[in-house]
Amino acid sequence: MAKYLFLLLCALPALLGAQADTTQYPFVAYWSKGNVYKFGVSKIKLKYQNDSLVKADTTSYQSVFEVMDSTADSYLISYTFGNEFRSTEAVSPELTEALANFDLSSITYTTNETGQFQALQDWEPFARTMQVTFDTVIAQTLAAKKVDEATFRALMAPAVAVYTTEAGILNKLVGELQHLHLFYGNSFSLGDTLRYDDSFGNMFGGAPFPVRSELYVERANWSDDYVVMRHLNTLAPEGEAVFQETMKLTYPTLLEKDPKGLEGMSFDITEDNWYAFYYYPGIPVRIENDRWITIVVGGTKTVNQERLIVDWID
């Protein structure tokens, strides 16, 4: 009942004729059990060192968004996506078996009645599988005796923390879901700019990075239920201190060897997001997410650009 009352209240202005406020664009999920939407997803990773491109990787796949159930106050969603963990390189039987213990190409989660993301349903078995996977990789690497054990474990620790927690799995594995569900449960006005404080998850496993965010409607077509949103994020000035403290906590062994290793080191994150949506019934037409992570160490500037593109194809 709560869902239908909410939808009625959202529709009420349109029923009032001349009193309708057509500058308001509400994001409410009008999904039904059995709805299926297919998307083309591309994840592009570029790495620059001192402004020269040194690495470029692209992962592309077709994802499937399916509404498994719909109640008065929630939706159950199955999301099938590409498997970024498969490799053409030969792997050990132990690692192959670990990966086979879990379906790495789909995940189930819930939203509330408006379409806001709530929680993953099956992240624990995935996390256990990833823990086994990392344990196997670490053991194989250390057995080769080509790296310092303390240093290697310190370098691996952030990745292990990311892929064995619910937030980490959501952020790194199916990051497009955060963008898909970002606006639901809210209403936006053409011409208004929303400025607020937010945070980015810490890819090194420490405290989140404080962020200054700006959100606005770039253009809209009321008659077509179509709206384009722009979302900009920049690291807050205090983010540099968070980075320095994170490095101290994450890599204590490295700093013991080089106590001045943090001197001259700097960090920055910038994000530019563009969203085209049919806010009724709640389908993204196209999502473009660009994030730049800049780290300066020992006079070398490294920029990692992560680009996400999602297109509705069916």
Protein backbone atom coordinates (compact mmCIF):
# COMPACT_ATOMS: atom_id res chain seq x y z
CA MET A 1 0.00 0.00 0.00
CA ALA A 2 2.84 2.39 0.82
CA LYS A 3 4.19 2.14 -2.71
CA TYR A 4 0.87 2.94 -4.35
CA LEU A 5 0.18 5.84 -2.00
CA PHE A 6 3.60 7.27 -2.87
CA LEU A 7 2.94 6.89 -6.60
CA LEU A 8 -0.46 8.57 -6.22
CA LEU A 9 1.09 11.53 -4.44
CA CYS A 10 3.74 11.83 -7.18
CA ALA A 11 1.04 11.76 -9.86
CA LEU A 12 -1.26 14.19 -8.06
CA PRO A 13 0.22 17.40 -9.57
CA ALA A 14 -0.43 16.07 -13.07
CA LEU A 15 -4.07 15.51 -12.13
CA LEU A 16 -4.50 19.13 -11.08
CA GLY A 17 -4.26 20.56 -14.59
CA ALA A 18 -3.02 24.15 -14.62
CA GLN A 19 -1.57 23.78 -11.11
CA ALA A 20 0.89 21.09 -12.21
CA ASP A 21 4.54 21.87 -11.41
CA THR A 22 6.23 20.63 -14.57
CA THR A 23 9.70 21.62 -13.35
CA GLN A 24 9.75 18.68 -10.91
CA TYR A 25 11.19 15.39 -12.16
CA PRO A 26 10.47 12.52 -9.75
CA PHE A 27 12.47 9.28 -9.86
CA VAL A 28 10.17 6.45 -8.76
CA ALA A 29 10.51 2.83 -9.88
CA TYR A 30 7.45 1.68 -11.84
CA TRP A 31 8.70 -1.87 -12.26
CA SER A 32 6.71 -5.10 -12.27
CA LYS A 33 7.67 -8.70 -11.63
CA GLY A 34 9.06 -10.16 -14.83
CA ASN A 35 10.38 -6.88 -16.27
CA VAL A 36 13.70 -7.43 -18.04
CA TYR A 37 16.06 -4.69 -19.24
CA LYS A 38 19.31 -5.35 -21.10
CA PHE A 39 22.31 -3.03 -21.08
CA GLY A 40 25.63 -2.79 -22.87
CA VAL A 41 28.37 -2.05 -20.34
CA SER A 42 31.92 -0.90 -21.06
CA LYS A 43 34.58 -0.34 -18.41
CA ILE A 44 37.69 1.43 -19.67
CA LYS A 45 40.81 1.83 -17.55
CA LEU A 46 43.58 4.16 -18.68
CA LYS A 47 46.85 4.83 -16.89
CA TYR A 48 49.07 7.84 -17.53
CA GLN A 49 52.48 8.56 -16.11
CA ASN A 50 53.70 12.14 -16.51
CA ASP A 51 50.99 12.66 -19.16
CA SER A 52 52.02 9.64 -21.26
CA LEU A 53 49.57 6.75 -21.71
CA VAL A 54 51.22 3.59 -20.37
CA LYS A 55 48.28 1.20 -20.03
CA ALA A 56 44.78 0.77 -21.48
CA ASP A 57 42.30 -1.99 -20.65
CA THR A 58 38.67 -2.37 -21.76
CA THR A 59 36.04 -4.79 -20.49
CA SER A 60 32.68 -4.97 -22.29
CA TYR A 61 29.67 -7.15 -21.66
CA GLN A 62 25.89 -7.28 -21.86
CA SER A 63 24.10 -7.14 -18.52
CA VAL A 64 20.55 -8.17 -17.71
CA PHE A 65 18.41 -6.42 -15.08
CA GLU A 66 15.42 -8.59 -14.11
CA VAL A 67 12.69 -7.88 -11.55
CA MET A 68 12.26 -11.16 -9.68
CA ASP A 69 9.60 -9.94 -7.27
CA SER A 70 7.63 -6.81 -6.42
CA THR A 71 5.85 -6.09 -3.14
CA ALA A 72 4.24 -3.00 -1.63
CA ASP A 73 7.52 -1.89 -0.12
CA SER A 74 10.36 -3.54 -2.07
CA TYR A 75 11.72 -5.01 -5.29
CA LEU A 76 13.95 -8.07 -5.64
CA ILE A 77 16.38 -7.67 -8.53
CA SER A 78 18.62 -10.18 -10.30
CA TYR A 79 21.52 -8.57 -12.14
CA THR A 80 23.62 -10.64 -14.55
CA PHE A 81 26.89 -9.06 -15.59
CA GLY A 82 30.23 -9.77 -17.23
CA ASN A 83 32.86 -11.74 -15.40
CA GLU A 84 35.99 -9.63 -14.95
CA PHE A 85 37.83 -12.39 -13.13
CA ARG A 86 38.15 -14.82 -16.01
CA SER A 87 41.61 -14.89 -17.56
CA THR A 88 43.10 -16.37 -20.69
CA GLU A 89 46.28 -17.15 -18.77
CA ALA A 90 46.79 -20.61 -17.32
CA VAL A 91 45.84 -20.84 -13.64
CA SER A 92 46.34 -23.58 -11.12
CA PRO A 93 43.69 -26.26 -10.49
CA GLU A 94 43.26 -24.87 -6.95
CA LEU A 95 42.41 -21.40 -8.25
CA THR A 96 40.09 -22.79 -10.94
CA GLU A 97 38.25 -24.80 -8.30
CA ALA A 98 37.93 -21.76 -6.04
CA LEU A 99 36.40 -19.69 -8.83
CA ALA A 100 34.03 -22.53 -9.73
CA ASN A 101 32.53 -22.53 -6.22
CA PHE A 102 30.47 -19.44 -6.97
CA ASP A 103 28.65 -17.93 -9.93
CA LEU A 104 30.74 -14.85 -10.66
CA SER A 105 28.39 -13.48 -13.29
CA SER A 106 25.20 -12.60 -11.38
CA ILE A 107 24.06 -11.09 -8.12
CA THR A 108 20.73 -10.54 -6.35
CA TYR A 109 19.74 -7.49 -4.33
CA THR A 110 16.78 -5.56 -2.97
CA THR A 111 15.54 -1.99 -3.33
CA ASN A 112 12.80 -0.13 -1.49
CA GLU A 113 9.46 0.76 -3.08
CA THR A 114 10.91 3.78 -4.92
CA GLY A 115 13.88 1.88 -6.39
CA GLN A 116 16.58 2.95 -3.93
CA PHE A 117 19.25 0.29 -3.48
CA GLN A 118 19.05 -1.54 -0.13
CA ALA A 119 21.33 -4.59 0.12
CA LEU A 120 23.00 -7.43 -1.73
CA GLN A 121 21.41 -10.80 -1.02
CA ASP A 122 24.27 -13.19 -1.68
CA TRP A 123 27.52 -11.39 -1.06
CA GLU A 124 28.76 -13.66 1.78
CA PRO A 125 29.37 -16.77 -0.38
CA PHE A 126 30.97 -14.55 -3.02
CA ALA A 127 33.21 -12.98 -0.37
CA ARG A 128 34.22 -16.42 0.91
CA THR A 129 35.09 -17.50 -2.62
CA MET A 130 37.16 -14.39 -3.18
CA GLN A 131 38.97 -14.94 0.13
CA VAL A 132 39.90 -18.46 -0.98
CA THR A 133 40.98 -17.06 -4.34
CA PHE A 134 43.23 -14.42 -2.78
CA ASP A 135 44.67 -16.95 -0.32
CA THR A 136 45.55 -19.20 -3.26
CA VAL A 137 47.13 -16.38 -5.28
CA ILE A 138 49.15 -15.19 -2.27
CA ALA A 139 50.34 -18.71 -1.47
CA GLN A 140 51.36 -19.35 -5.09
CA THR A 141 53.24 -16.05 -5.31
CA LEU A 142 55.08 -16.53 -2.03
CA ALA A 143 55.97 -20.11 -2.95
CA ALA A 144 57.90 -18.75 -5.95
CA LYS A 145 60.09 -16.81 -3.47
CA LYS A 146 60.46 -13.87 -5.85
CA VAL A 147 58.95 -11.19 -3.59
CA ASP A 148 59.33 -10.07 0.00
CA GLU A 149 56.46 -11.67 1.96
CA ALA A 150 55.72 -8.70 4.26
CA THR A 151 55.75 -6.25 1.36
CA PHE A 152 53.57 -8.44 -0.86
CA ARG A 153 50.99 -9.03 1.88
CA ALA A 154 50.86 -5.28 2.57
CA LEU A 155 50.26 -4.55 -1.12
CA MET A 156 47.52 -7.20 -1.36
CA ALA A 157 45.70 -6.20 1.83
CA PRO A 158 43.58 -3.38 0.30
CA ALA A 159 42.40 -5.58 -2.59
CA VAL A 160 41.48 -8.41 -0.21
CA ALA A 161 39.52 -5.98 1.98
CA VAL A 162 37.63 -4.62 -1.04
CA TYR A 163 36.53 -7.93 -2.54
CA THR A 164 35.54 -9.61 0.72
CA THR A 165 33.08 -6.98 2.00
CA GLU A 166 29.57 -6.10 0.82
CA ALA A 167 30.47 -2.47 0.07
CA GLY A 168 33.64 -3.46 -1.74
CA ILE A 169 31.89 -6.03 -3.93
CA LEU A 170 29.21 -3.52 -4.86
CA ASN A 171 31.69 -0.72 -5.59
CA LYS A 172 34.24 -2.69 -7.58
CA LEU A 173 32.34 -5.56 -9.13
CA VAL A 174 29.04 -4.01 -10.22
CA GLY A 175 29.68 -0.30 -9.79
CA GLU A 176 27.12 0.51 -12.48
CA LEU A 177 24.34 -0.41 -10.04
CA GLN A 178 25.23 2.54 -7.83
CA HIS A 179 24.78 4.86 -10.78
CA LEU A 180 21.59 3.16 -11.92
CA HIS A 181 19.92 3.59 -8.53
CA LEU A 182 21.43 6.95 -7.56
CA PHE A 183 18.37 9.16 -8.11
CA TYR A 184 15.45 6.97 -7.07
CA GLY A 185 13.29 8.25 -4.25
CA ASN A 186 14.09 11.88 -5.08
CA SER A 187 12.59 14.65 -7.18
CA PHE A 188 14.64 17.28 -9.02
CA SER A 189 13.92 20.71 -10.46
CA LEU A 190 15.17 22.13 -13.72
CA GLY A 191 17.48 25.06 -13.05
CA ASP A 192 18.33 24.16 -9.45
CA THR A 193 21.82 23.09 -8.37
CA LEU A 194 22.24 20.89 -5.32
CA ARG A 195 25.58 21.20 -3.53
CA TYR A 196 26.38 18.87 -0.65
CA ASP A 197 29.11 16.94 1.17
CA ASP A 198 29.57 13.28 0.31
CA SER A 199 32.31 10.65 0.42
CA PHE A 200 34.11 8.13 -1.77
CA GLY A 201 34.93 4.65 -0.56
CA ASN A 202 38.63 4.29 0.16
CA MET A 203 40.20 1.91 -2.37
CA PHE A 204 43.11 1.43 0.07
CA GLY A 205 40.81 0.14 2.80
CA GLY A 206 40.92 3.18 5.13
CA ALA A 207 38.43 5.87 6.12
CA PRO A 208 36.26 7.24 3.26
CA PHE A 209 37.49 10.26 1.33
CA PRO A 210 35.43 13.45 1.89
CA VAL A 211 33.97 14.82 -1.34
CA ARG A 212 32.23 18.01 -2.48
CA SER A 213 29.34 17.17 -4.78
CA GLU A 214 27.23 19.15 -7.24
CA LEU A 215 24.06 17.80 -8.87
CA TYR A 216 21.71 19.42 -11.37
CA VAL A 217 19.26 18.76 -14.20
CA GLU A 218 21.06 19.52 -17.46
CA ARG A 219 17.99 19.19 -19.68
CA ALA A 220 14.59 17.53 -19.62
CA ASN A 221 11.50 16.75 -21.64
CA TRP A 222 8.41 16.50 -19.44
CA SER A 223 6.17 15.04 -22.17
CA ASP A 224 8.62 12.17 -22.82
CA ASP A 225 9.44 11.50 -19.13
CA TYR A 226 13.06 12.09 -20.11
CA VAL A 227 15.71 13.88 -18.07
CA VAL A 228 19.49 14.35 -18.24
CA MET A 229 21.32 14.72 -14.92
CA ARG A 230 24.86 15.94 -14.29
CA HIS A 231 26.77 14.96 -11.16
CA LEU A 232 30.23 16.33 -10.34
CA ASN A 233 32.45 15.23 -7.44
CA THR A 234 35.77 16.66 -6.26
CA LEU A 235 37.98 15.67 -3.34
CA ALA A 236 37.53 18.00 -0.35
CA PRO A 237 40.68 19.81 0.91
CA GLU A 238 40.76 17.60 4.02
CA GLY A 239 40.94 14.53 1.78
CA GLU A 240 44.71 14.86 1.53
CA ALA A 241 45.05 14.27 5.28
CA VAL A 242 42.83 11.19 5.01
CA PHE A 243 45.10 9.85 2.26
CA GLN A 244 48.25 10.41 4.31
CA GLU A 245 46.76 8.65 7.33
CA THR A 246 45.52 5.79 5.14
CA MET A 247 49.01 5.22 3.77
CA LYS A 248 50.42 5.07 7.30
CA LEU A 249 47.84 2.49 8.39
CA THR A 250 47.84 0.41 5.20
CA TYR A 251 51.57 0.17 4.52
CA PRO A 252 53.35 0.29 7.91
CA THR A 253 55.99 -2.21 6.75
CA LEU A 254 56.93 -0.07 3.76
CA LEU A 255 57.17 3.05 5.89
CA GLU A 256 59.42 1.28 8.36
CA LYS A 257 61.86 0.74 5.51
CA ASP A 258 61.43 4.28 4.19
CA PRO A 259 60.12 6.67 6.94
CA LYS A 260 60.19 9.61 4.50
CA GLY A 261 58.22 7.75 1.85
CA LEU A 262 55.16 10.01 2.26
CA GLU A 263 57.06 13.25 1.76
CA GLY A 264 56.14 14.91 -1.53
CA MET A 265 53.26 12.46 -2.05
CA SER A 266 49.87 13.88 -3.07
CA PHE A 267 46.48 12.48 -3.96
CA ASP A 268 43.37 13.71 -5.79
CA ILE A 269 40.04 12.34 -7.09
CA THR A 270 37.72 14.02 -9.59
CA GLU A 271 34.52 12.57 -11.02
CA ASP A 272 32.21 13.73 -13.81
CA ASN A 273 28.97 11.78 -14.26
CA TRP A 274 26.31 12.18 -16.98
CA TYR A 275 22.96 10.39 -16.85
CA ALA A 276 20.13 10.19 -19.39
CA PHE A 277 17.01 8.57 -17.89
CA TYR A 278 13.41 7.79 -18.63
CA TYR A 279 12.31 8.50 -15.07
CA TYR A 280 9.04 6.76 -15.95
CA PRO A 281 9.12 3.74 -15.73
CA GLY A 282 12.68 4.12 -14.41
CA ILE A 283 15.21 3.10 -17.07
CA PRO A 284 18.63 4.62 -17.75
CA VAL A 285 19.10 5.37 -21.45
CA ARG A 286 22.81 6.07 -21.06
CA ILE A 287 25.21 6.49 -18.16
CA GLU A 288 28.71 7.95 -18.50
CA ASN A 289 30.96 7.97 -15.47
CA ASP A 290 34.52 9.32 -15.60
CA ARG A 291 36.77 9.21 -12.55
CA TRP A 292 40.36 10.45 -12.41
CA ILE A 293 42.64 9.37 -9.55
CA THR A 294 45.93 11.28 -9.45
CA ILE A 295 48.85 10.27 -7.24
CA VAL A 296 52.21 12.02 -7.18
CA VAL A 297 55.09 10.03 -5.68
CA GLY A 298 58.77 10.90 -5.92
CA GLY A 299 58.16 13.47 -8.65
CA THR A 300 56.20 11.03 -10.82
CA LYS A 301 52.55 11.84 -11.51
CA THR A 302 50.32 8.83 -12.14
CA VAL A 303 46.75 9.35 -13.35
CA ASN A 304 44.32 6.44 -13.44
CA GLN A 305 41.16 7.16 -15.42
CA GLU A 306 38.21 4.83 -14.91
CA ARG A 307 35.45 5.27 -17.48
CA LEU A 308 32.09 3.51 -17.24
CA ILE A 309 29.54 3.57 -20.08
CA VAL A 310 26.12 1.93 -19.79
CA ASP A 311 23.65 1.89 -22.70
CA TRP A 312 20.09 0.55 -22.65
CA ILE A 313 19.87 -1.83 -25.61
CA ASP A 314 16.57 -3.70 -25.06
